[in-house]
Amino acid sequence: MANFAAAIGDLRDTGFGGDKPRVAIILGSGWGAIEREVHDPLTVRYEDIPGFPAPAGTAGHECRLSEGSLWGVPALVFRGRYHAYEDRDPRDLAIPVQVAHALGVETLVLTNAAGGIREDLEPGDLMAVSDHLNLMGINPLVGFERLPQAKPFPAMGAAYDPELLEKLINAGELASQTVKSGVYAGVLGPSFETKAEVEMLRRMGADAVGMSTVPEAIVARALGLKVCGLSLITNRAGGADDSHEGTLKAGSDNAPRFAAVLKALITGL
């Protein structure tokens, strides 16, 4: 289980927080290329941070934390994340967000790979997350006494900051990329969705579906961070050929596009 006190103590002792990071980005499946944009980084593997849970080794999630200048902005970049489908304590999912908050971050950018549900969301599209559906069956705030910095009953009516949502869509225009917006359904996984499940999600109001992001957004709001989310649509949800390998390939194929959007967003904060 995560030990936040041990993690933040070790990170501060090794110099993390020294750049006074303003923003943190958690990179989802296929988004790892963004890590290379960090200038002169201080980097540590998750498994070398005392108190951090052991990574599961999911392909595309190498699990490193870097601090440095991201397009001229002091930032933390979490390459890889923890997933609920790894049979973890839900509080393990909270520790990267807790660390970002403790090191002074005020804005959290969550990225992910998602399956498109809405008819106009095709592979390769970018979708700014306007809201989410928590269908994972977990909430990392359960047992909130173990997250003493967090509000136990945070309001989630504007979970994804409206101003950041507008900036994210405008960043797409600045980068000559179309950024659509929509509701992200977070499901447990690790199996992909059936056609019947996709139809259920559509009727519930979901525009895209994935297996991450929601727990981190909940913890971030409980800690008072501003949150925005950006999904890369890697497949049409419910397809017979859905695969994690396909997700990673879609990320590699579209890396220059989403990097341009994130650069326009980060430099405009």
Protein backbone atom coordinates (compact mmCIF):
# COMPACT_ATOMS: atom_id res chain seq x y z
CA MET A 1 0.00 0.00 0.00
CA ALA A 2 1.13 3.55 -0.68
CA ASN A 3 2.92 5.49 2.06
CA PHE A 4 2.60 9.16 1.19
CA ALA A 5 4.76 10.45 4.05
CA ALA A 6 7.68 8.24 3.04
CA ALA A 7 7.31 9.16 -0.63
CA ILE A 8 7.17 12.92 -0.24
CA GLY A 9 9.99 12.93 2.29
CA ASP A 10 12.30 11.02 -0.04
CA LEU A 11 11.39 13.12 -3.06
CA ARG A 12 12.09 16.37 -1.24
CA ASP A 13 15.41 14.99 0.02
CA THR A 14 16.45 14.21 -3.58
CA GLY A 15 15.56 17.69 -4.85
CA PHE A 16 12.01 17.37 -6.11
CA GLY A 17 10.00 20.53 -5.63
CA GLY A 18 13.08 22.70 -6.06
CA ASP A 19 11.84 24.06 -9.40
CA LYS A 20 8.52 25.02 -7.77
CA PRO A 21 6.43 23.12 -10.35
CA ARG A 22 3.19 24.85 -11.33
CA VAL A 23 1.61 22.05 -13.33
CA ALA A 24 1.64 18.26 -13.32
CA ILE A 25 0.77 15.92 -16.16
CA ILE A 26 -0.09 12.26 -15.78
CA LEU A 27 0.63 10.47 -19.05
CA GLY A 28 -1.73 7.72 -20.14
CA SER A 29 -1.25 4.83 -22.55
CA GLY A 30 0.52 6.00 -25.69
CA TRP A 31 1.35 9.46 -24.31
CA GLY A 32 4.92 8.71 -23.20
CA ALA A 33 6.53 10.89 -25.89
CA ILE A 34 5.69 13.97 -23.81
CA GLU A 35 8.32 12.95 -21.25
CA ARG A 36 11.04 13.70 -23.81
CA GLU A 37 9.93 17.34 -23.88
CA VAL A 38 11.08 17.96 -20.29
CA HIS A 39 14.30 20.02 -20.32
CA ASP A 40 17.10 19.08 -17.91
CA PRO A 41 14.89 16.72 -15.91
CA LEU A 42 15.35 15.29 -12.45
CA THR A 43 13.99 11.76 -12.91
CA VAL A 44 13.27 8.80 -10.67
CA ARG A 45 11.56 5.48 -11.28
CA TYR A 46 8.45 4.79 -9.24
CA GLU A 47 9.97 1.62 -7.82
CA ASP A 48 12.86 3.68 -6.42
CA ILE A 49 10.58 6.01 -4.44
CA PRO A 50 10.00 4.71 -0.89
CA GLY A 51 6.29 4.51 -0.25
CA PHE A 52 5.28 4.30 -3.91
CA PRO A 53 3.44 1.08 -4.81
CA ALA A 54 5.31 -1.29 -7.10
CA PRO A 55 4.38 -0.72 -10.76
CA ALA A 56 2.41 -3.48 -12.43
CA GLY A 57 4.47 -3.36 -15.61
CA THR A 58 1.63 -2.62 -18.03
CA ALA A 59 3.09 -2.02 -21.48
CA GLY A 60 3.23 1.68 -22.27
CA HIS A 61 3.46 2.62 -18.59
CA GLU A 62 7.21 2.75 -17.81
CA CYS A 63 6.48 4.56 -14.53
CA ARG A 64 8.89 7.42 -13.99
CA LEU A 65 8.51 10.83 -12.37
CA SER A 66 10.37 13.80 -13.88
CA GLU A 67 10.64 17.40 -12.77
CA GLY A 68 11.97 20.11 -15.04
CA SER A 69 11.05 22.74 -17.57
CA LEU A 70 8.23 21.64 -19.87
CA TRP A 71 8.09 24.14 -22.73
CA GLY A 72 9.42 26.76 -20.35
CA VAL A 73 7.03 26.00 -17.48
CA PRO A 74 8.19 24.27 -14.25
CA ALA A 75 6.37 20.96 -14.26
CA LEU A 76 6.07 17.43 -12.95
CA VAL A 77 5.53 14.68 -15.49
CA PHE A 78 4.30 11.29 -14.31
CA ARG A 79 5.01 8.77 -17.04
CA GLY A 80 2.72 5.84 -16.31
CA ARG A 81 -0.06 5.50 -13.77
CA TYR A 82 -1.65 3.02 -11.43
CA HIS A 83 -4.92 1.36 -12.51
CA ALA A 84 -7.74 -0.05 -10.45
CA TYR A 85 -7.73 -3.21 -12.59
CA GLU A 86 -4.32 -4.08 -11.11
CA ASP A 87 -6.21 -5.16 -7.95
CA ARG A 88 -4.83 -2.26 -5.92
CA ASP A 89 -6.03 -0.52 -2.83
CA PRO A 90 -7.92 2.51 -4.27
CA ARG A 91 -5.70 4.82 -2.21
CA ASP A 92 -2.71 3.68 -4.28
CA LEU A 93 -4.29 5.53 -7.20
CA ALA A 94 -4.17 8.76 -5.20
CA ILE A 95 -0.47 8.97 -4.41
CA PRO A 96 0.79 10.69 -7.61
CA VAL A 97 -1.85 13.39 -7.14
CA GLN A 98 -0.98 13.75 -3.45
CA VAL A 99 2.69 14.14 -4.36
CA ALA A 100 1.93 16.77 -7.01
CA HIS A 101 -0.15 18.73 -4.52
CA ALA A 102 2.51 18.52 -1.80
CA LEU A 103 5.21 19.78 -4.21
CA GLY A 104 3.17 22.91 -4.92
CA VAL A 105 1.33 22.06 -8.12
CA GLU A 106 -1.93 23.94 -8.66
CA THR A 107 -3.03 22.51 -12.03
CA LEU A 108 -3.29 18.83 -12.98
CA VAL A 109 -3.54 17.65 -16.58
CA LEU A 110 -4.81 14.10 -16.99
CA THR A 111 -4.27 12.33 -20.29
CA ASN A 112 -5.62 8.99 -21.41
CA ALA A 113 -6.45 6.71 -24.28
CA ALA A 114 -10.16 6.16 -24.79
CA GLY A 115 -12.63 4.37 -26.98
CA GLY A 116 -14.98 6.59 -28.93
CA ILE A 117 -18.71 6.15 -28.30
CA ARG A 118 -20.21 9.30 -29.80
CA GLU A 119 -20.56 8.99 -33.56
CA ASP A 120 -18.16 11.84 -34.37
CA LEU A 121 -15.32 10.55 -32.19
CA GLU A 122 -13.04 8.53 -34.45
CA PRO A 123 -9.56 7.06 -33.88
CA GLY A 124 -7.02 9.87 -33.84
CA ASP A 125 -9.43 12.47 -32.48
CA LEU A 126 -8.65 14.48 -29.37
CA MET A 127 -11.37 15.02 -26.78
CA ALA A 128 -11.23 17.46 -23.88
CA VAL A 129 -12.97 15.88 -20.90
CA SER A 130 -15.91 18.05 -19.85
CA ASP A 131 -17.19 15.65 -17.17
CA HIS A 132 -17.00 12.01 -16.16
CA LEU A 133 -19.07 9.02 -15.13
CA ASN A 134 -17.51 7.00 -12.33
CA LEU A 135 -18.49 3.41 -13.16
CA MET A 136 -15.42 1.78 -11.61
CA GLY A 137 -17.11 0.74 -8.41
CA ILE A 138 -14.40 2.43 -6.33
CA ASN A 139 -13.66 5.86 -4.90
CA PRO A 140 -10.16 6.67 -3.57
CA LEU A 141 -11.68 8.93 -0.88
CA VAL A 142 -13.25 5.97 0.93
CA GLY A 143 -11.42 5.87 4.26
CA PHE A 144 -10.69 9.56 3.79
CA GLU A 145 -9.00 9.79 7.19
CA ARG A 146 -5.96 8.33 5.43
CA LEU A 147 -5.89 11.33 3.08
CA PRO A 148 -5.70 14.05 5.73
CA GLN A 149 -5.05 16.87 3.25
CA ALA A 150 -8.21 16.14 1.26
CA LYS A 151 -11.75 17.31 1.75
CA PRO A 152 -13.81 14.19 2.51
CA PHE A 153 -16.89 15.41 0.61
CA PRO A 154 -15.67 17.45 -2.37
CA ALA A 155 -18.16 19.03 -4.75
CA MET A 156 -17.81 17.46 -8.21
CA GLY A 157 -20.26 19.64 -10.14
CA ALA A 158 -17.32 21.25 -11.97
CA ALA A 159 -14.79 18.46 -11.65
CA TYR A 160 -13.01 19.60 -14.81
CA ASP A 161 -12.27 23.31 -14.54
CA PRO A 162 -14.43 25.22 -17.07
CA GLU A 163 -11.72 27.80 -17.72
CA LEU A 164 -9.12 25.10 -18.37
CA LEU A 165 -11.59 23.28 -20.63
CA GLU A 166 -11.93 26.43 -22.73
CA LYS A 167 -8.16 26.90 -22.79
CA LEU A 168 -7.69 23.30 -23.91
CA ILE A 169 -10.07 23.72 -26.83
CA ASN A 170 -8.38 27.03 -27.74
CA ALA A 171 -4.99 25.29 -27.51
CA GLY A 172 -6.18 22.97 -30.25
CA GLU A 173 -6.92 25.95 -32.46
CA LEU A 174 -3.50 27.46 -31.75
CA ALA A 175 -1.90 24.12 -32.67
CA SER A 176 -4.06 23.79 -35.81
CA GLN A 177 -5.73 20.72 -34.28
CA THR A 178 -9.39 20.08 -33.59
CA VAL A 179 -10.11 19.33 -29.93
CA LYS A 180 -13.65 18.13 -29.36
CA SER A 181 -15.21 17.85 -25.90
CA GLY A 182 -17.24 15.18 -24.18
CA VAL A 183 -18.06 13.04 -21.18
CA TYR A 184 -15.56 10.32 -20.22
CA ALA A 185 -16.88 7.10 -18.69
CA GLY A 186 -14.39 5.47 -16.34
CA VAL A 187 -14.80 1.69 -16.11
CA LEU A 188 -12.80 -0.88 -14.18
CA GLY A 189 -11.38 -3.00 -17.00
CA PRO A 190 -9.15 -4.69 -17.93
CA SER A 191 -11.44 -6.24 -20.54
CA PHE A 192 -12.69 -3.92 -23.25
CA GLU A 193 -16.40 -3.18 -23.53
CA THR A 194 -19.05 -5.32 -25.18
CA LYS A 195 -21.38 -3.82 -27.75
CA ALA A 196 -24.22 -3.98 -25.21
CA GLU A 197 -22.11 -2.16 -22.65
CA VAL A 198 -21.24 0.53 -25.18
CA GLU A 199 -24.94 1.04 -25.92
CA MET A 200 -25.60 1.32 -22.17
CA LEU A 201 -22.85 3.91 -21.82
CA ARG A 202 -24.21 5.88 -24.76
CA ARG A 203 -27.65 6.02 -23.17
CA MET A 204 -26.06 7.15 -19.89
CA GLY A 205 -24.49 10.12 -21.64
CA ALA A 206 -20.92 8.92 -22.19
CA ASP A 207 -19.02 10.08 -25.27
CA ALA A 208 -15.87 8.03 -24.68
CA VAL A 209 -14.76 5.26 -22.33
CA GLY A 210 -11.53 4.27 -20.62
CA MET A 211 -10.01 2.66 -17.54
CA SER A 212 -8.30 5.56 -15.75
CA THR A 213 -8.46 9.30 -14.98
CA VAL A 214 -11.58 9.31 -12.78
CA PRO A 215 -9.89 8.38 -9.44
CA GLU A 216 -7.15 10.95 -10.03
CA ALA A 217 -9.67 13.66 -10.84
CA ILE A 218 -11.61 12.91 -7.65
CA VAL A 219 -8.50 13.14 -5.47
CA ALA A 220 -7.31 16.29 -7.24
CA ARG A 221 -10.59 18.07 -6.60
CA ALA A 222 -10.57 16.94 -2.98
CA LEU A 223 -7.13 18.56 -2.67
CA GLY A 224 -8.26 21.78 -4.36
CA LEU A 225 -6.34 21.35 -7.61
CA LYS A 226 -7.66 22.60 -10.93
CA VAL A 227 -8.13 19.68 -13.30
CA CYS A 228 -8.37 19.23 -17.04
CA GLY A 229 -8.42 16.02 -19.04
CA LEU A 230 -7.44 15.19 -22.61
CA SER A 231 -8.34 11.89 -24.27
CA LEU A 232 -6.81 10.46 -27.41
CA ILE A 233 -9.48 8.40 -29.12
CA THR A 234 -7.64 5.24 -30.12
CA ASN A 235 -10.53 3.03 -31.27
CA ARG A 236 -14.28 2.82 -31.62
CA ALA A 237 -15.54 1.31 -28.37
CA GLY A 238 -16.94 -2.19 -28.61
CA GLY A 239 -14.86 -3.26 -31.59
CA ALA A 240 -13.98 -6.91 -32.08
CA ASP A 241 -10.29 -6.06 -32.57
CA ASP A 242 -9.77 -3.74 -29.58
CA SER A 243 -6.32 -4.31 -28.04
CA HIS A 244 -3.77 -2.60 -25.81
CA GLU A 245 -1.21 -2.91 -28.61
CA GLY A 246 -3.53 -0.95 -30.88
CA THR A 247 -3.86 1.72 -28.21
CA LEU A 248 -0.08 2.15 -28.01
CA LYS A 249 0.26 2.32 -31.80
CA ALA A 250 -2.40 5.02 -31.98
CA GLY A 251 -0.47 7.01 -29.39
CA SER A 252 2.77 6.70 -31.34
CA ASP A 253 1.07 7.68 -34.60
CA ASN A 254 -0.51 10.79 -33.09
CA ALA A 255 2.27 11.94 -30.74
CA PRO A 256 3.20 15.12 -32.69
CA ARG A 257 -0.44 16.23 -32.73
CA PHE A 258 -1.20 15.85 -29.04
CA ALA A 259 2.21 17.25 -28.10
CA ALA A 260 1.42 20.41 -30.05
CA VAL A 261 -1.90 20.80 -28.23
CA LEU A 262 -0.36 20.25 -24.80
CA LYS A 263 2.43 22.73 -25.59
CA ALA A 264 -0.11 25.40 -26.50
CA LEU A 265 -2.05 24.66 -23.30
CA ILE A 266 0.92 24.59 -20.91
CA THR A 267 2.57 27.73 -22.27
CA GLY A 268 -0.75 29.56 -21.96
CA LEU A 269 -1.35 28.77 -18.28
